[in-house]
N, C-alpha and C. Protein backbone atom coordinates (compact mmCIF):
# COMPACT_ATOMS: atom_id res chain seq x y z
N MET A 1 4.25 -24.34 2.52
CA MET A 1 3.27 -23.71 3.39
C MET A 1 3.74 -22.29 3.70
N ARG A 2 2.89 -21.33 3.51
CA ARG A 2 3.23 -19.94 3.82
C ARG A 2 2.93 -19.67 5.29
N ARG A 3 3.87 -19.02 5.95
CA ARG A 3 3.68 -18.69 7.36
C ARG A 3 3.49 -17.20 7.52
N ILE A 4 2.68 -16.83 8.46
CA ILE A 4 2.43 -15.42 8.74
C ILE A 4 3.31 -14.99 9.90
N ALA A 5 4.08 -13.94 9.70
CA ALA A 5 4.96 -13.43 10.75
C ALA A 5 4.22 -12.39 11.57
N ALA A 6 4.47 -12.41 12.87
CA ALA A 6 3.90 -11.37 13.74
C ALA A 6 4.65 -10.06 13.52
N GLY A 7 5.85 -10.17 13.02
CA GLY A 7 6.68 -9.00 12.75
C GLY A 7 8.14 -9.37 12.87
N VAL A 8 8.98 -8.57 12.27
CA VAL A 8 10.43 -8.79 12.30
C VAL A 8 11.09 -7.50 12.73
N VAL A 9 12.07 -7.61 13.64
CA VAL A 9 12.81 -6.43 14.08
C VAL A 9 14.30 -6.70 13.88
N LEU A 10 14.93 -5.85 13.08
CA LEU A 10 16.37 -5.90 12.86
C LEU A 10 16.99 -4.79 13.70
N ILE A 11 17.91 -5.16 14.56
CA ILE A 11 18.53 -4.19 15.46
C ILE A 11 19.95 -3.93 14.98
N ARG A 12 20.24 -2.68 14.63
CA ARG A 12 21.55 -2.30 14.12
C ARG A 12 22.12 -1.22 15.03
N LEU A 13 22.66 -1.65 16.16
CA LEU A 13 23.17 -0.71 17.16
C LEU A 13 24.62 -1.06 17.50
N PHE A 14 25.49 -0.89 16.56
CA PHE A 14 26.90 -1.21 16.73
C PHE A 14 27.62 -0.11 17.51
N GLY A 15 28.56 -0.50 18.34
CA GLY A 15 29.41 0.46 19.03
C GLY A 15 28.76 1.19 20.18
N LEU A 16 27.60 0.74 20.62
CA LEU A 16 26.94 1.38 21.75
C LEU A 16 27.03 0.47 22.98
N SER A 17 26.93 1.07 24.14
CA SER A 17 26.95 0.27 25.37
C SER A 17 25.65 -0.52 25.47
N SER A 18 25.66 -1.55 26.28
CA SER A 18 24.46 -2.36 26.49
C SER A 18 23.31 -1.52 27.01
N ASN A 19 23.61 -0.60 27.91
CA ASN A 19 22.56 0.26 28.47
C ASN A 19 21.95 1.16 27.40
N ASP A 20 22.79 1.73 26.53
CA ASP A 20 22.29 2.58 25.45
C ASP A 20 21.43 1.78 24.48
N ARG A 21 21.88 0.57 24.14
CA ARG A 21 21.10 -0.30 23.25
C ARG A 21 19.74 -0.61 23.86
N ALA A 22 19.74 -0.99 25.12
CA ALA A 22 18.50 -1.34 25.80
C ALA A 22 17.54 -0.16 25.83
N GLU A 23 18.06 1.02 26.07
CA GLU A 23 17.21 2.22 26.12
C GLU A 23 16.60 2.53 24.76
N ILE A 24 17.40 2.44 23.71
CA ILE A 24 16.90 2.72 22.35
C ILE A 24 15.83 1.71 21.96
N ILE A 25 16.07 0.43 22.24
CA ILE A 25 15.10 -0.62 21.89
C ILE A 25 13.81 -0.45 22.68
N ALA A 26 13.92 -0.22 23.98
CA ALA A 26 12.73 -0.04 24.82
C ALA A 26 11.92 1.17 24.35
N ASN A 27 12.59 2.27 24.04
CA ASN A 27 11.88 3.46 23.56
C ASN A 27 11.17 3.18 22.23
N ALA A 28 11.84 2.48 21.34
CA ALA A 28 11.24 2.16 20.04
C ALA A 28 9.99 1.31 20.22
N ILE A 29 10.07 0.31 21.08
CA ILE A 29 8.92 -0.56 21.31
C ILE A 29 7.78 0.21 21.97
N ASN A 30 8.10 1.02 22.95
CA ASN A 30 7.07 1.79 23.65
C ASN A 30 6.39 2.81 22.74
N GLU A 31 7.16 3.45 21.87
CA GLU A 31 6.61 4.50 21.00
C GLU A 31 5.88 3.95 19.78
N HIS A 32 6.21 2.72 19.36
CA HIS A 32 5.67 2.19 18.11
C HIS A 32 4.99 0.84 18.28
N THR A 33 4.51 0.54 19.46
CA THR A 33 3.91 -0.77 19.75
C THR A 33 2.89 -1.19 18.71
N ASN A 34 1.95 -0.33 18.40
CA ASN A 34 0.86 -0.69 17.49
C ASN A 34 1.33 -0.88 16.05
N GLU A 35 2.43 -0.26 15.68
CA GLU A 35 2.92 -0.34 14.30
C GLU A 35 3.78 -1.58 14.05
N LEU A 36 4.33 -2.19 15.09
CA LEU A 36 5.29 -3.28 14.94
C LEU A 36 4.65 -4.59 14.49
N LEU A 37 3.41 -4.83 14.84
CA LEU A 37 2.74 -6.07 14.47
C LEU A 37 2.55 -6.12 12.96
N GLY A 38 3.06 -7.17 12.35
CA GLY A 38 2.93 -7.34 10.91
C GLY A 38 3.84 -6.44 10.10
N ALA A 39 4.95 -6.02 10.69
CA ALA A 39 5.86 -5.11 10.01
C ALA A 39 7.30 -5.60 10.09
N PHE A 40 8.11 -5.13 9.15
CA PHE A 40 9.56 -5.31 9.19
C PHE A 40 10.13 -4.00 9.70
N THR A 41 10.81 -4.05 10.83
CA THR A 41 11.29 -2.85 11.49
C THR A 41 12.81 -2.89 11.62
N VAL A 42 13.45 -1.78 11.32
CA VAL A 42 14.89 -1.64 11.51
C VAL A 42 15.12 -0.54 12.53
N ILE A 43 15.80 -0.91 13.61
CA ILE A 43 16.11 0.05 14.66
C ILE A 43 17.60 0.35 14.59
N SER A 44 17.94 1.61 14.36
CA SER A 44 19.33 2.04 14.39
C SER A 44 19.45 3.19 15.37
N SER A 45 20.67 3.64 15.60
CA SER A 45 20.87 4.70 16.59
C SER A 45 20.27 6.03 16.14
N LYS A 46 20.08 6.20 14.84
CA LYS A 46 19.57 7.48 14.33
C LYS A 46 18.14 7.43 13.81
N SER A 47 17.61 6.23 13.58
CA SER A 47 16.26 6.16 13.01
C SER A 47 15.59 4.83 13.31
N ILE A 48 14.28 4.84 13.11
CA ILE A 48 13.47 3.62 13.17
C ILE A 48 12.67 3.60 11.88
N ARG A 49 12.82 2.53 11.10
CA ARG A 49 12.08 2.38 9.84
C ARG A 49 11.10 1.23 10.00
N ILE A 50 9.86 1.46 9.67
CA ILE A 50 8.83 0.45 9.81
C ILE A 50 8.11 0.30 8.48
N ARG A 51 8.11 -0.92 7.95
CA ARG A 51 7.44 -1.21 6.70
C ARG A 51 6.52 -2.40 6.93
N LYS A 52 5.26 -2.26 6.55
CA LYS A 52 4.30 -3.35 6.69
C LYS A 52 4.69 -4.51 5.79
N ILE A 53 4.54 -5.73 6.31
CA ILE A 53 4.78 -6.95 5.54
C ILE A 53 3.49 -7.25 4.81
N THR A 54 3.57 -7.40 3.49
CA THR A 54 2.35 -7.66 2.71
C THR A 54 2.28 -9.09 2.28
């Protein structure tokens, strides 16, 4: 059975404080809310990559 994902987020924030991680994640979600649904997203300290799941 094939399942449909609402979206996947991979968080790659090594070596940062918990507060810095939380801020980066919150900003990414707030700025890209509409793009995250149905996408594979990678959040790193320097970039956010969003690719639609087909």
